[in-house]
Each structure stands twice: as structure tokens, then as C-alpha cells.
Amino acid sequence: MSATVEAWKCAKICAAMFVLFAMGLGLYWTFSAEYGDGLEVTMEHAGVSEGESAYSAPLGYGENYLASFAMGAVGFGAVAALAFLVMEFLKRRK
């Protein structure tokens, strides 16, 4: 199999994963907007309030769909680039 065919196959897989992420994010926002997560619900039932945050992430996780999608795309790109670099390193090492 040629390198071009393998590259297209990889691109198709990445595009499919990206589309699945976008669709899954839509479902996440549909169901999470109204309800709290398990920890929030448990704390609410126990009458415990949320304390001060011990750590604040440098980038937001997304307060809306587009911000979440953008952060997911950045994360996806970073992981894909890192995986590519590791594979190239291992291939050249042979």
C-alpha cells in the first residue's frame, strides 16, 4: 500500500472521529444543560456546597457549544500531532 493511500485512509478516520465528536458534543449539551453531574447531584442531596477551586485551568472548557467544540478540536489536533511525531520517530528508528 502506498504512502498516499495510507495518508488518505488516516485522514478519513480522523475526519470520522471529528464528526463523531461534534455529534457527541451536541448530545452532551442537550442532556447536561438541565441536569447536574453525579457529584453535583450528590452534593446537593447531602446539603454540601461547592468549595473554592484548588486549580483553575489556563483555558476555559467551554461555556457553550462552540467554545467546547473549539477546545475539543485543539485537543484532538494536539493528540494527533503528538501521535504522528511518535510514529515518525519510531519509524526512523528502525
Protein backbone atom coordinates (compact mmCIF):
# COMPACT_ATOMS: atom_id res chain seq x y z
CA MET A 1 0.00 0.00 0.00
CA SER A 2 1.43 3.38 -0.96
CA ALA A 3 2.06 6.20 1.49
CA THR A 4 -0.56 8.37 -0.23
CA VAL A 5 -3.27 5.75 0.20
CA GLU A 6 -2.34 5.31 3.85
CA ALA A 7 -2.40 9.07 4.39
CA TRP A 8 -5.90 9.33 2.87
CA LYS A 9 -7.08 6.42 4.98
CA CYS A 10 -5.75 8.13 8.11
CA ALA A 11 -7.37 11.43 7.06
CA LYS A 12 -10.74 9.72 6.60
CA ILE A 13 -10.50 8.10 10.03
CA CYS A 14 -9.57 11.43 11.63
CA ALA A 15 -12.46 13.18 9.87
CA ALA A 16 -14.89 10.49 11.03
CA MET A 17 -13.66 10.83 14.62
CA PHE A 18 -14.04 14.61 14.39
CA VAL A 19 -17.64 14.29 13.14
CA LEU A 20 -18.47 11.80 15.90
CA PHE A 21 -17.01 14.21 18.45
CA ALA A 22 -19.16 17.06 17.10
CA MET A 23 -22.30 14.92 17.24
CA GLY A 24 -21.48 13.61 20.71
CA LEU A 25 -20.86 17.13 21.95
CA GLY A 26 -24.33 18.11 20.76
CA LEU A 27 -25.83 15.25 22.76
CA TYR A 28 -23.74 16.21 25.77
CA TRP A 29 -25.03 19.79 25.70
CA THR A 30 -28.59 18.59 25.20
CA PHE A 31 -28.60 16.39 28.29
CA SER A 32 -26.17 18.18 30.60
CA ALA A 33 -27.62 21.68 30.41
CA GLU A 34 -30.62 20.90 32.58
CA TYR A 35 -29.18 18.32 34.96
CA GLY A 36 -26.07 18.37 37.13
CA ASP A 37 -23.49 15.63 37.00
CA GLY A 38 -23.45 12.85 39.58
CA LEU A 39 -21.19 14.68 42.01
CA GLU A 40 -23.25 17.87 41.85
CA VAL A 41 -26.50 15.97 42.48
CA THR A 42 -24.98 14.00 45.37
CA MET A 43 -23.61 17.15 46.98
CA GLU A 44 -26.98 18.86 46.57
CA HIS A 45 -28.80 15.94 48.23
CA ALA A 46 -26.27 15.92 51.08
CA GLY A 47 -26.60 19.67 51.58
CA VAL A 48 -22.91 20.30 50.89
CA SER A 49 -21.88 23.39 48.94
CA GLU A 50 -19.03 23.54 46.48
CA GLY A 51 -15.83 24.97 47.95
CA GLU A 52 -13.21 27.20 46.41
CA SER A 53 -11.44 25.74 43.39
CA ALA A 54 -7.94 24.41 44.09
CA TYR A 55 -6.87 24.79 40.46
CA SER A 56 -8.04 26.87 37.56
CA ALA A 57 -7.27 25.67 34.04
CA PRO A 58 -5.43 28.17 31.82
CA LEU A 59 -8.03 27.76 29.06
CA GLY A 60 -11.76 27.50 29.54
CA TYR A 61 -13.51 24.22 28.92
CA GLY A 62 -16.27 25.96 27.03
CA GLU A 63 -19.35 27.55 28.42
CA ASN A 64 -21.21 26.95 25.17
CA TYR A 65 -21.19 24.57 22.23
CA LEU A 66 -18.77 26.50 20.01
CA ALA A 67 -16.20 27.04 22.76
CA SER A 68 -16.38 23.35 23.72
CA PHE A 69 -16.04 22.34 20.08
CA ALA A 70 -13.04 24.63 19.62
CA MET A 71 -11.29 23.28 22.73
CA GLY A 72 -12.04 19.72 21.63
CA ALA A 73 -10.62 20.46 18.18
CA VAL A 74 -7.46 21.92 19.73
CA GLY A 75 -7.08 18.86 21.98
CA PHE A 76 -7.74 16.48 19.10
CA GLY A 77 -5.16 18.26 16.95
CA ALA A 78 -2.57 18.22 19.73
CA VAL A 79 -3.01 14.49 20.38
CA ALA A 80 -2.98 13.69 16.65
CA ALA A 81 0.20 15.72 16.14
CA LEU A 82 1.89 14.06 19.10
CA ALA A 83 0.88 10.60 17.86
CA PHE A 84 2.22 11.43 14.40
CA LEU A 85 5.54 12.61 15.83
CA VAL A 86 5.91 9.46 17.94
CA MET A 87 5.13 7.23 14.94
CA GLU A 88 7.64 9.12 12.77
CA PHE A 89 10.28 8.78 15.47
CA LEU A 90 9.66 5.05 15.79
CA LYS A 91 9.66 4.59 12.00
CA ARG A 92 13.02 6.37 11.61
CA ARG A 93 14.48 4.41 14.48
CA LYS A 94 14.14 1.09 12.60
